[in-house]
C-alpha atoms as a PDB file:
ATOM      1  CA  MET A   1      -3.982  -0.875  -9.767  1.00  0.00           C
ATOM      2  CA  VAL A   2      -7.580  -0.843  -8.601  1.00  0.00           C
ATOM      3  CA  PRO A   3      -9.246   2.598  -8.740  1.00  0.00           C
ATOM      4  CA  TYR A   4     -11.084   3.619  -5.568  1.00  0.00           C
ATOM      5  CA  PRO A   5     -11.861   6.760  -3.611  1.00  0.00           C
ATOM      6  CA  LEU A   6      -9.670   7.601  -0.651  1.00  0.00           C
ATOM      7  CA  THR A   7     -12.550   8.913   1.452  1.00  0.00           C
ATOM      8  CA  PRO A   8     -12.530   7.579   5.038  1.00  0.00           C
ATOM      9  CA  GLY A   9     -15.347   5.169   5.799  1.00  0.00           C
ATOM     10  CA  LEU A  10     -15.592   3.686   2.314  1.00  0.00           C
ATOM     11  CA  LYS A  11     -13.483   0.647   3.090  1.00  0.00           C
ATOM     12  CA  ARG A  12     -15.433  -2.466   2.227  1.00  0.00           C
ATOM     13  CA  LEU A  13     -13.309  -4.663   4.506  1.00  0.00           C
ATOM     14  CA  PRO A  14     -11.132  -2.871   7.082  1.00  0.00           C
ATOM     15  CA  ALA A  15      -7.829  -4.637   7.732  1.00  0.00           C
ATOM     16  CA  ARG A  16      -6.807  -5.290  11.312  1.00  0.00           C
ATOM     17  CA  PHE A  17      -3.484  -6.373  12.752  1.00  0.00           C
ATOM     18  CA  TYR A  18      -3.432  -9.379  15.059  1.00  0.00           C
ATOM     19  CA  ARG A  19      -2.964  -8.210  18.652  1.00  0.00           C
ATOM     20  CA  SER A  20      -1.777 -10.597  21.366  1.00  0.00           C
ATOM     21  CA  ASP A  21      -3.221 -10.595  24.896  1.00  0.00           C
ATOM     22  CA  SER A  22      -0.179  -8.555  25.976  1.00  0.00           C
ATOM     23  CA  GLY A  23      -1.029  -5.872  23.389  1.00  0.00           C
ATOM     24  CA  ARG A  24       1.800  -6.618  20.942  1.00  0.00           C
ATOM     25  CA  GLU A  25       1.138  -6.500  17.207  1.00  0.00           C
ATOM     26  CA  PRO A  26       3.845  -8.809  15.793  1.00  0.00           C
ATOM     27  CA  VAL A  27       2.859  -8.330  12.140  1.00  0.00           C
ATOM     28  CA  HIS A  28       2.907  -4.533  12.515  1.00  0.00           C
ATOM     29  CA  GLU A  29       6.315  -4.782  14.216  1.00  0.00           C
ATOM     30  CA  TRP A  30       7.597  -7.028  11.410  1.00  0.00           C
ATOM     31  CA  LEU A  31       6.344  -4.600   8.750  1.00  0.00           C
ATOM     32  CA  LYS A  32       8.225  -1.708  10.369  1.00  0.00           C
ATOM     33  CA  GLY A  33      11.465  -3.679   9.944  1.00  0.00           C
ATOM     34  CA  LEU A  34      11.079  -4.163   6.182  1.00  0.00           C
ATOM     35  CA  GLU A  35      12.684  -2.115   3.445  1.00  0.00           C
ATOM     36  CA  PRO A  36      10.546   0.880   2.386  1.00  0.00           C
ATOM     37  CA  GLU A  37       9.774  -0.590  -1.055  1.00  0.00           C
ATOM     38  CA  ASP A  38       8.534  -3.816   0.534  1.00  0.00           C
ATOM     39  CA  ARG A  39       6.370  -1.935   3.075  1.00  0.00           C
ATOM     40  CA  LYS A  40       4.878   0.067   0.218  1.00  0.00           C
ATOM     41  CA  ALA A  41       4.086  -3.069  -1.833  1.00  0.00           C
ATOM     42  CA  ILE A  42       2.364  -4.727   1.134  1.00  0.00           C
ATOM     43  CA  GLY A  43       0.499  -1.511   1.970  1.00  0.00           C
ATOM     44  CA  GLU A  44      -0.796  -1.231  -1.599  1.00  0.00           C
ATOM     45  CA  ASP A  45      -2.001  -4.844  -1.525  1.00  0.00           C
ATOM     46  CA  ILE A  46      -3.772  -4.331   1.815  1.00  0.00           C
ATOM     47  CA  LYS A  47      -5.364  -1.141   0.480  1.00  0.00           C
ATOM     48  CA  ASP A  48      -6.592  -3.024  -2.608  1.00  0.00           C
ATOM     49  CA  VAL A  49      -8.197  -5.644  -0.353  1.00  0.00           C
ATOM     50  CA  GLU A  50      -9.822  -3.042   1.907  1.00  0.00           C
ATOM     51  CA  PHE A  51     -11.376  -0.979  -0.893  1.00  0.00           C
ATOM     52  CA  SER A  52     -12.045  -3.653  -3.546  1.00  0.00           C
ATOM     53  CA  TRP A  53     -13.416  -6.523  -1.466  1.00  0.00           C
ATOM     54  CA  PRO A  54     -14.248  -9.245  -2.398  1.00  0.00           C
ATOM     55  CA  ILE A  55     -10.975 -10.285  -3.997  1.00  0.00           C
ATOM     56  CA  GLY A  56      -9.749 -13.820  -4.570  1.00  0.00           C
ATOM     57  CA  MET A  57      -6.523 -15.516  -5.518  1.00  0.00           C
ATOM     58  CA  PRO A  58      -3.744 -14.750  -6.102  1.00  0.00           C
ATOM     59  CA  LEU A  59      -3.994 -11.796  -3.672  1.00  0.00           C
ATOM     60  CA  VAL A  60      -6.386 -13.224  -1.058  1.00  0.00           C
ATOM     61  CA  ARG A  61      -7.061 -16.744   0.199  1.00  0.00           C
ATOM     62  CA  SER A  62      -9.598 -17.855   2.786  1.00  0.00           C
ATOM     63  CA  LEU A  63      -8.237 -19.518   5.916  1.00  0.00           C
ATOM     64  CA  GLY A  64     -11.779 -20.313   7.095  1.00  0.00           C
ATOM     65  CA  ARG A  65     -13.888 -18.919   9.937  1.00  0.00           C
ATOM     66  CA  GLU A  66     -13.931 -15.404   8.420  1.00  0.00           C
ATOM     67  CA  LEU A  67     -10.121 -15.190   8.444  1.00  0.00           C
ATOM     68  CA  TRP A  68      -8.324 -14.230   5.221  1.00  0.00           C
ATOM     69  CA  GLU A  69      -4.704 -14.303   4.143  1.00  0.00           C
ATOM     70  CA  ALA A  70      -3.400 -11.440   1.984  1.00  0.00           C
ATOM     71  CA  ARG A  71      -0.420 -12.347  -0.201  1.00  0.00           C
ATOM     72  CA  SER A  72       2.165  -9.932  -1.547  1.00  0.00           C
ATOM     73  CA  SER A  73       5.056 -10.204  -3.982  1.00  0.00           C
ATOM     74  CA  LEU A  74       8.094  -8.243  -2.902  1.00  0.00           C
ATOM     75  CA  ALA A  75      11.339  -7.165  -4.526  1.00  0.00           C
ATOM     76  CA  HIS A  76      13.668  -9.885  -5.772  1.00  0.00           C
ATOM     77  CA  GLY A  77      10.799 -12.352  -6.274  1.00  0.00           C
ATOM     78  CA  ARG A  78      10.079 -12.926  -2.590  1.00  0.00           C
ATOM     79  CA  ASN A  79       6.496 -13.699  -1.578  1.00  0.00           C
ATOM     80  CA  VAL A  80       4.878 -12.942   1.760  1.00  0.00           C
ATOM     81  CA  ARG A  81       1.699 -14.273   3.361  1.00  0.00           C
END
Protein backbone atom coordinates (compact mmCIF):
# COMPACT_ATOMS: atom_id res chain seq x y z
CA MET A 1 0.00 0.00 0.00
CA VAL A 2 1.17 3.51 -0.78
CA PRO A 3 1.33 5.82 2.27
CA TYR A 4 -0.33 9.22 1.80
CA PRO A 5 -2.22 11.77 3.85
CA LEU A 6 -5.99 11.74 3.69
CA THR A 7 -6.30 15.52 3.80
CA PRO A 8 -8.74 16.91 1.20
CA GLY A 9 -7.07 18.86 -1.59
CA LEU A 10 -3.84 16.86 -1.63
CA LYS A 11 -4.86 14.63 -4.50
CA ARG A 12 -2.25 14.84 -7.22
CA LEU A 13 -4.66 13.61 -9.90
CA PRO A 14 -8.37 13.68 -9.04
CA ALA A 15 -10.32 10.80 -10.58
CA ARG A 16 -13.51 11.58 -12.46
CA PHE A 17 -16.25 9.29 -13.68
CA TYR A 18 -17.27 9.51 -17.33
CA ARG A 19 -20.63 11.29 -17.59
CA SER A 20 -22.79 10.97 -20.71
CA ASP A 21 -24.68 13.92 -22.22
CA SER A 22 -27.81 12.61 -20.46
CA GLY A 23 -26.02 12.80 -17.09
CA ARG A 24 -25.57 9.05 -16.55
CA GLU A 25 -22.33 7.74 -15.06
CA PRO A 26 -22.19 4.15 -16.37
CA VAL A 27 -18.92 3.25 -14.62
CA HIS A 28 -20.24 4.54 -11.27
CA GLU A 29 -23.46 2.56 -11.82
CA TRP A 30 -21.44 -0.57 -12.67
CA LEU A 31 -19.30 -0.16 -9.54
CA LYS A 32 -22.39 -0.01 -7.33
CA GLY A 33 -23.42 -3.44 -8.65
CA LEU A 34 -20.16 -5.16 -7.68
CA GLU A 35 -19.51 -7.23 -4.59
CA PRO A 36 -18.24 -5.13 -1.64
CA GLU A 37 -14.75 -6.68 -1.74
CA ASP A 38 -14.41 -5.84 -5.44
CA ARG A 39 -15.62 -2.24 -4.90
CA LYS A 40 -13.08 -1.87 -2.11
CA ALA A 41 -10.21 -3.20 -4.28
CA ILE A 42 -11.08 -0.81 -7.11
CA GLY A 43 -11.49 2.08 -4.67
CA GLU A 44 -8.06 1.42 -3.16
CA ASP A 45 -6.47 1.36 -6.63
CA ILE A 46 -8.17 4.63 -7.62
CA LYS A 47 -7.05 6.20 -4.34
CA ASP A 48 -3.46 5.08 -4.99
CA VAL A 49 -3.59 6.73 -8.42
CA GLU A 50 -5.09 9.96 -7.07
CA PHE A 51 -2.57 10.43 -4.25
CA SER A 52 0.57 8.84 -5.75
CA TRP A 53 0.51 10.14 -9.32
CA PRO A 54 2.43 9.53 -11.54
CA ILE A 55 2.05 5.76 -11.55
CA GLY A 56 2.72 3.42 -14.45
CA MET A 57 2.03 -0.18 -15.32
CA PRO A 58 0.68 -2.50 -14.12
CA LEU A 59 -1.83 -0.19 -12.37
CA VAL A 60 -2.10 2.64 -14.93
CA ARG A 61 -1.75 2.76 -18.71
CA SER A 62 -2.00 5.79 -20.97
CA LEU A 63 -4.77 5.77 -23.57
CA GLY A 64 -3.42 8.99 -25.11
CA ARG A 65 -4.77 12.55 -25.13
CA GLU A 66 -4.50 12.87 -21.33
CA LEU A 67 -6.77 9.86 -20.76
CA TRP A 68 -5.57 7.07 -18.46
CA GLU A 69 -6.81 3.57 -17.76
CA ALA A 70 -6.64 2.28 -14.17
CA ARG A 71 -6.43 -1.50 -13.86
CA SER A 72 -7.52 -3.56 -10.87
CA SER A 73 -7.24 -7.21 -9.90
CA LEU A 74 -10.34 -8.54 -8.21
CA ALA A 75 -11.24 -11.66 -6.28
CA HIS A 76 -10.91 -14.99 -8.06
CA GLY A 77 -8.21 -13.66 -10.41
CA ARG A 78 -10.49 -11.39 -12.43
CA ASN A 79 -9.01 -8.21 -13.89
CA VAL A 80 -10.85 -4.99 -14.64
CA ARG A 81 -9.90 -2.01 -16.79
